[in-house]
C-alpha atoms as a PDB file:
ATOM      1  CA  MET A   1       0.000   0.000   0.000  1.00  0.00           C
ATOM      2  CA  SER A   2       1.362   3.440  -0.912  1.00  0.00           C
ATOM      3  CA  LYS A   3       1.499   6.176   1.722  1.00  0.00           C
ATOM      4  CA  LYS A   4      -1.256   8.115  -0.037  1.00  0.00           C
ATOM      5  CA  ARG A   5      -3.480   5.029  -0.070  1.00  0.00           C
ATOM      6  CA  TYR A   6      -2.727   4.518   3.626  1.00  0.00           C
ATOM      7  CA  PHE A   7      -4.139   7.933   4.530  1.00  0.00           C
ATOM      8  CA  GLU A   8      -7.052   7.687   2.115  1.00  0.00           C
ATOM      9  CA  ARG A   9      -7.991   4.320   3.610  1.00  0.00           C
ATOM     10  CA  TYR A  10      -8.295   5.822   7.097  1.00  0.00           C
ATOM     11  CA  ALA A  11      -9.634   9.289   6.154  1.00  0.00           C
ATOM     12  CA  ALA A  12     -13.277   8.617   7.080  1.00  0.00           C
ATOM     13  CA  ARG A  13     -12.286   7.338  10.548  1.00  0.00           C
ATOM     14  CA  TRP A  14      -9.225   9.520  11.092  1.00  0.00           C
ATOM     15  CA  ASP A  15     -10.768  11.903  13.621  1.00  0.00           C
ATOM     16  CA  GLU A  16     -12.076   9.108  15.829  1.00  0.00           C
ATOM     17  CA  LEU A  17      -8.677   7.388  15.671  1.00  0.00           C
ATOM     18  CA  GLN A  18      -7.113  10.620  16.969  1.00  0.00           C
ATOM     19  CA  HIS A  19      -9.379  10.749  20.026  1.00  0.00           C
ATOM     20  CA  GLU A  20      -6.494  11.635  22.331  1.00  0.00           C
ATOM     21  CA  VAL A  21      -6.134  15.118  20.790  1.00  0.00           C
ATOM     22  CA  ASP A  22      -7.326  17.712  23.296  1.00  0.00           C
ATOM     23  CA  PRO A  23      -8.957  20.893  21.864  1.00  0.00           C
ATOM     24  CA  GLU A  24      -7.211  22.934  24.564  1.00  0.00           C
ATOM     25  CA  GLN A  25      -3.851  21.573  23.370  1.00  0.00           C
ATOM     26  CA  LEU A  26      -4.688  22.575  19.799  1.00  0.00           C
ATOM     27  CA  GLU A  27      -5.734  26.052  20.904  1.00  0.00           C
ATOM     28  CA  TYR A  28      -2.494  26.422  22.866  1.00  0.00           C
ATOM     29  CA  LEU A  29      -0.431  25.170  19.921  1.00  0.00           C
ATOM     30  CA  VAL A  30      -2.022  27.546  17.408  1.00  0.00           C
ATOM     31  CA  GLY A  31      -1.412  30.329  19.910  1.00  0.00           C
ATOM     32  CA  ARG A  32       2.328  29.626  19.476  1.00  0.00           C
ATOM     33  CA  PHE A  33       2.141  30.313  15.713  1.00  0.00           C
ATOM     34  CA  GLU A  34       2.268  34.109  16.157  1.00  0.00           C
ATOM     35  CA  ILE A  35      -0.692  34.591  13.801  1.00  0.00           C
ATOM     36  CA  GLN A  36      -1.848  38.157  13.211  1.00  0.00           C
ATOM     37  CA  LYS A  37      -5.241  39.431  12.085  1.00  0.00           C
ATOM     38  CA  GLY A  38      -5.381  39.293   8.283  1.00  0.00           C
ATOM     39  CA  ASP A  39      -2.537  36.783   7.854  1.00  0.00           C
ATOM     40  CA  TRP A  40      -2.444  34.453   4.876  1.00  0.00           C
ATOM     41  CA  ILE A  41      -1.759  30.954   6.185  1.00  0.00           C
ATOM     42  CA  LEU A  42      -0.826  27.725   4.409  1.00  0.00           C
ATOM     43  CA  ASP A  43      -1.829  24.627   6.378  1.00  0.00           C
ATOM     44  CA  VAL A  44       0.406  21.950   4.864  1.00  0.00           C
ATOM     45  CA  GLY A  45      -0.807  18.373   5.278  1.00  0.00           C
ATOM     46  CA  THR A  46      -4.117  19.621   6.630  1.00  0.00           C
ATOM     47  CA  GLY A  47      -5.545  16.083   6.733  1.00  0.00           C
ATOM     48  CA  THR A  48      -9.128  16.272   7.991  1.00  0.00           C
ATOM     49  CA  GLY A  49      -8.691  19.956   8.809  1.00  0.00           C
ATOM     50  CA  ILE A  50      -8.196  19.619  12.553  1.00  0.00           C
ATOM     51  CA  LEU A  51      -6.392  22.973  12.826  1.00  0.00           C
ATOM     52  CA  LEU A  52      -8.560  24.948  10.405  1.00  0.00           C
ATOM     53  CA  PRO A  53     -11.114  26.342  12.892  1.00  0.00           C
ATOM     54  CA  TYR A  54      -8.305  27.548  15.170  1.00  0.00           C
ATOM     55  CA  LEU A  55      -6.328  29.077  12.300  1.00  0.00           C
ATOM     56  CA  ALA A  56      -9.420  30.825  10.933  1.00  0.00           C
ATOM     57  CA  LEU A  57     -10.248  32.228  14.365  1.00  0.00           C
ATOM     58  CA  SER A  58      -6.694  33.551  14.764  1.00  0.00           C
ATOM     59  CA  ALA A  59      -6.486  35.171  11.303  1.00  0.00           C
ATOM     60  CA  GLN A  60     -10.100  36.427  11.601  1.00  0.00           C
ATOM     61  CA  LYS A  61     -12.313  37.232   8.625  1.00  0.00           C
ATOM     62  CA  GLU A  62      -9.618  39.437   7.083  1.00  0.00           C
ATOM     63  CA  GLY A  63      -7.228  36.479   6.756  1.00  0.00           C
ATOM     64  CA  ARG A  64      -7.096  33.593   4.280  1.00  0.00           C
ATOM     65  CA  ILE A  65      -6.262  29.958   4.918  1.00  0.00           C
ATOM     66  CA  PHE A  66      -5.179  27.503   2.243  1.00  0.00           C
ATOM     67  CA  ALA A  67      -5.488  23.859   3.323  1.00  0.00           C
ATOM     68  CA  LEU A  68      -3.213  21.547   1.324  1.00  0.00           C
ATOM     69  CA  ASP A  69      -3.084  17.755   1.343  1.00  0.00           C
ATOM     70  CA  PHE A  70      -2.044  14.997  -1.051  1.00  0.00           C
ATOM     71  CA  SER A  71      -5.024  12.829  -0.038  1.00  0.00           C
ATOM     72  CA  ALA A  72      -8.283  13.653  -1.796  1.00  0.00           C
ATOM     73  CA  GLN A  73     -10.198  11.659   0.812  1.00  0.00           C
ATOM     74  CA  MET A  74      -8.692  13.619   3.695  1.00  0.00           C
ATOM     75  CA  LEU A  75      -9.565  16.898   1.948  1.00  0.00           C
ATOM     76  CA  SER A  76     -13.109  15.671   1.370  1.00  0.00           C
ATOM     77  CA  VAL A  77     -13.546  15.133   5.108  1.00  0.00           C
ATOM     78  CA  ALA A  78     -12.044  18.564   5.853  1.00  0.00           C
ATOM     79  CA  ARG A  79     -14.355  20.262   3.327  1.00  0.00           C
ATOM     80  CA  SER A  80     -17.401  18.640   4.922  1.00  0.00           C
ATOM     81  CA  LYS A  81     -16.527  20.211   8.285  1.00  0.00           C
ATOM     82  CA  ILE A  82     -15.326  23.690   7.296  1.00  0.00           C
ATOM     83  CA  LYS A  83     -17.834  26.106   5.793  1.00  0.00           C
ATOM     84  CA  THR A  84     -16.094  29.454   6.177  1.00  0.00           C
ATOM     85  CA  LYS A  85     -15.316  31.369   2.984  1.00  0.00           C
ATOM     86  CA  THR A  86     -11.848  32.252   4.236  1.00  0.00           C
ATOM     87  CA  VAL A  87     -10.624  28.647   3.745  1.00  0.00           C
ATOM     88  CA  SER A  88      -9.609  27.229   0.353  1.00  0.00           C
ATOM     89  CA  PHE A  89      -8.611  23.620  -0.326  1.00  0.00           C
ATOM     90  CA  ILE A  90      -5.732  22.422  -2.510  1.00  0.00           C
ATOM     91  CA  HIS A  91      -5.135  18.816  -3.552  1.00  0.00           C
ATOM     92  CA  SER A  92      -1.367  18.596  -3.976  1.00  0.00           C
ATOM     93  CA  ALA A  93       1.825  17.132  -2.586  1.00  0.00           C
ATOM     94  CA  VAL A  94       3.895  19.533  -0.506  1.00  0.00           C
ATOM     95  CA  GLU A  95       6.912  18.944  -2.748  1.00  0.00           C
ATOM     96  CA  THR A  96       5.094  20.682  -5.631  1.00  0.00           C
ATOM     97  CA  ILE A  97       2.915  23.411  -4.103  1.00  0.00           C
ATOM     98  CA  PRO A  98       0.878  24.965  -6.960  1.00  0.00           C
ATOM     99  CA  LEU A  99       0.947  28.503  -5.550  1.00  0.00           C
ATOM    100  CA  LYS A 100       2.915  31.689  -6.214  1.00  0.00           C
ATOM    101  CA  ASP A 101       6.168  32.671  -4.542  1.00  0.00           C
ATOM    102  CA  GLU A 102       6.063  34.770  -1.372  1.00  0.00           C
ATOM    103  CA  THR A 103       2.329  34.363  -0.729  1.00  0.00           C
ATOM    104  CA  PHE A 104       2.075  33.417   2.952  1.00  0.00           C
ATOM    105  CA  ASP A 105       2.680  35.091   6.294  1.00  0.00           C
ATOM    106  CA  ARG A 106       2.578  31.735   8.090  1.00  0.00           C
ATOM    107  CA  VAL A 107       3.178  28.188   6.897  1.00  0.00           C
ATOM    108  CA  VAL A 108       2.017  25.548   9.359  1.00  0.00           C
ATOM    109  CA  CYS A 109       2.987  21.899   9.140  1.00  0.00           C
ATOM    110  CA  PHE A 110       1.126  20.006  11.876  1.00  0.00           C
ATOM    111  CA  ALA A 111       1.562  16.269  12.530  1.00  0.00           C
ATOM    112  CA  CYS A 112       2.741  15.475   8.998  1.00  0.00           C
ATOM    113  CA  PHE A 113       6.416  16.364   8.412  1.00  0.00           C
ATOM    114  CA  PRO A 114       7.711  12.839   9.176  1.00  0.00           C
ATOM    115  CA  HIS A 115       5.519  11.477   6.365  1.00  0.00           C
ATOM    116  CA  PHE A 116       6.994  13.639   3.572  1.00  0.00           C
ATOM    117  CA  GLU A 117       8.910  11.589   1.005  1.00  0.00           C
ATOM    118  CA  ASN A 118      11.394  14.361   0.246  1.00  0.00           C
ATOM    119  CA  LYS A 119      11.687  16.543   3.324  1.00  0.00           C
ATOM    120  CA  GLN A 120      14.280  18.929   1.883  1.00  0.00           C
ATOM    121  CA  LYS A 121      12.214  19.561  -1.241  1.00  0.00           C
ATOM    122  CA  ALA A 122       9.146  20.083   0.955  1.00  0.00           C
ATOM    123  CA  LEU A 123      11.038  22.682   3.000  1.00  0.00           C
ATOM    124  CA  LEU A 124      12.295  24.415  -0.142  1.00  0.00           C
ATOM    125  CA  GLU A 125       8.711  24.675  -1.402  1.00  0.00           C
ATOM    126  CA  MET A 126       7.448  25.950   1.948  1.00  0.00           C
ATOM    127  CA  GLY A 127      10.243  28.504   1.888  1.00  0.00           C
ATOM    128  CA  ARG A 128       9.404  29.535  -1.668  1.00  0.00           C
ATOM    129  CA  VAL A 129       5.781  30.336  -0.851  1.00  0.00           C
ATOM    130  CA  SER A 130       6.650  32.167   2.396  1.00  0.00           C
ATOM    131  CA  LYS A 131       6.855  35.949   2.328  1.00  0.00           C
ATOM    132  CA  PRO A 132      10.088  37.573   3.516  1.00  0.00           C
ATOM    133  CA  GLY A 133       9.675  37.713   7.280  1.00  0.00           C
ATOM    134  CA  GLY A 134       7.028  34.993   7.098  1.00  0.00           C
ATOM    135  CA  LYS A 135       7.265  32.158   9.587  1.00  0.00           C
ATOM    136  CA  LEU A 136       7.245  28.376   9.302  1.00  0.00           C
ATOM    137  CA  PHE A 137       6.070  26.144  12.145  1.00  0.00           C
ATOM    138  CA  ILE A 138       6.590  22.371  12.161  1.00  0.00           C
ATOM    139  CA  ALA A 139       4.492  21.141  15.066  1.00  0.00           C
ATOM    140  CA  HIS A 140       3.418  17.990  16.877  1.00  0.00           C
ATOM    141  CA  LEU A 141       1.696  17.227  20.161  1.00  0.00           C
ATOM    142  CA  LEU A 142       4.369  14.592  20.774  1.00  0.00           C
ATOM    143  CA  SER A 143       8.136  14.710  21.164  1.00  0.00           C
ATOM    144  CA  SER A 144      10.327  13.393  18.351  1.00  0.00           C
ATOM    145  CA  GLN A 145      10.877  10.191  20.346  1.00  0.00           C
ATOM    146  CA  GLN A 146       7.139   9.782  20.991  1.00  0.00           C
ATOM    147  CA  ILE A 147       6.486  10.256  17.258  1.00  0.00           C
ATOM    148  CA  LYS A 148       9.034   7.557  16.400  1.00  0.00           C
ATOM    149  CA  GLU A 149       7.410   5.136  18.846  1.00  0.00           C
ATOM    150  CA  HIS A 150       3.879   6.025  17.680  1.00  0.00           C
ATOM    151  CA  HIS A 151       4.669   5.348  14.017  1.00  0.00           C
ATOM    152  CA  LEU A 152       6.513   2.146  14.849  1.00  0.00           C
ATOM    153  CA  ARG A 153       3.377   0.896  16.644  1.00  0.00           C
ATOM    154  CA  ALA A 154       1.171   1.980  13.733  1.00  0.00           C
ATOM    155  CA  GLY A 155       3.323  -0.077  11.370  1.00  0.00           C
ATOM    156  CA  GLY A 156       2.756  -0.395   7.644  1.00  0.00           C
ATOM    157  CA  ASP A 157       3.763   2.490   5.414  1.00  0.00           C
ATOM    158  CA  VAL A 158       4.376   4.888   8.323  1.00  0.00           C
ATOM    159  CA  LYS A 159       6.488   2.679  10.600  1.00  0.00           C
ATOM    160  CA  ASN A 160       9.755   4.368   9.574  1.00  0.00           C
ATOM    161  CA  ASP A 161       8.434   7.948   9.429  1.00  0.00           C
ATOM    162  CA  VAL A 162      10.477  10.057  11.848  1.00  0.00           C
ATOM    163  CA  LEU A 163      11.599  13.626  12.311  1.00  0.00           C
ATOM    164  CA  PRO A 164      15.185  14.492  11.389  1.00  0.00           C
ATOM    165  CA  SER A 165      17.462  15.136  14.357  1.00  0.00           C
ATOM    166  CA  ASN A 166      17.358  18.733  15.544  1.00  0.00           C
ATOM    167  CA  PRO A 167      20.779  19.689  14.084  1.00  0.00           C
ATOM    168  CA  ILE A 168      19.883  18.150  10.713  1.00  0.00           C
ATOM    169  CA  LEU A 169      16.468  19.821  10.592  1.00  0.00           C
ATOM    170  CA  GLU A 170      18.070  23.167  11.414  1.00  0.00           C
ATOM    171  CA  LYS A 171      20.491  22.769   8.495  1.00  0.00           C
ATOM    172  CA  MET A 172      17.627  21.770   6.193  1.00  0.00           C
ATOM    173  CA  MET A 173      15.589  24.817   7.220  1.00  0.00           C
ATOM    174  CA  ILE A 174      18.549  27.138   6.666  1.00  0.00           C
ATOM    175  CA  LYS A 175      19.037  25.656   3.187  1.00  0.00           C
ATOM    176  CA  ALA A 176      15.356  26.397   2.505  1.00  0.00           C
ATOM    177  CA  GLY A 177      15.863  30.078   3.342  1.00  0.00           C
ATOM    178  CA  PHE A 178      14.826  30.197   6.991  1.00  0.00           C
ATOM    179  CA  LYS A 179      16.750  31.838   9.832  1.00  0.00           C
ATOM    180  CA  GLU A 180      16.364  32.403  13.586  1.00  0.00           C
ATOM    181  CA  ILE A 181      15.467  28.746  13.965  1.00  0.00           C
ATOM    182  CA  LYS A 182      14.266  27.509  17.326  1.00  0.00           C
ATOM    183  CA  ILE A 183      13.326  23.913  18.103  1.00  0.00           C
ATOM    184  CA  VAL A 184      11.435  22.739  21.184  1.00  0.00           C
ATOM    185  CA  ASP A 185      11.447  18.951  21.617  1.00  0.00           C
ATOM    186  CA  GLN A 186       9.858  17.774  24.851  1.00  0.00           C
ATOM    187  CA  PRO A 187       7.146  15.339  25.946  1.00  0.00           C
ATOM    188  CA  SER A 188       3.817  16.274  24.323  1.00  0.00           C
ATOM    189  CA  LEU A 189       5.322  19.119  22.254  1.00  0.00           C
ATOM    190  CA  TYR A 190       7.552  19.421  19.226  1.00  0.00           C
ATOM    191  CA  LEU A 191       7.793  22.860  17.661  1.00  0.00           C
ATOM    192  CA  ALA A 192      10.337  23.988  15.092  1.00  0.00           C
ATOM    193  CA  ARG A 193      10.117  27.643  14.098  1.00  0.00           C
ATOM    194  CA  GLY A 194      11.945  29.538  11.409  1.00  0.00           C
ATOM    195  CA  GLU A 195      11.658  32.948   9.776  1.00  0.00           C
ATOM    196  CA  LYS A 196      12.051  33.491   6.044  1.00  0.00           C
ATOM    197  CA  GLY A 197      15.116  35.588   5.350  1.00  0.00           C
END
């Protein structure tokens, strides 16, 4: 089974499988993204759109959110839940984002970076579509070690999906045009932040 087929297979039940996600944790996490009223935000690997209501609330009606995922089934579930006109949906892989350069104030990559086939190319694309001074956030509600263990238990096509080590990720982000990189890696929180130079 390909990775895309893996996620499409579970799309309809994905939210119930993620029952341990606490709305207060999500609200806290989005609060760390430094979102301003009117920001344009790219939600990479949006999945079933779990972050979209929080992102929309933060950017307010003046902002725009673009929800991108390579799984049509995941996007279908997200579309069924989100009815605000400020959210647009894009069916695409992160390695080939079909959007213009320097479009976004914030690029958010929640609970998906380990799954990217070509992480450096994904970062280069996220850097390309970020405005100068725009910020990238790679986030999880698990530590890097917890993510490794979680995917190993899940097995199948995701069993080897891990985050790069912190020094390697920092180098990859710098290569993609980000600076002032900060990485928090602790139980129940992973957050890598970088600013487009």
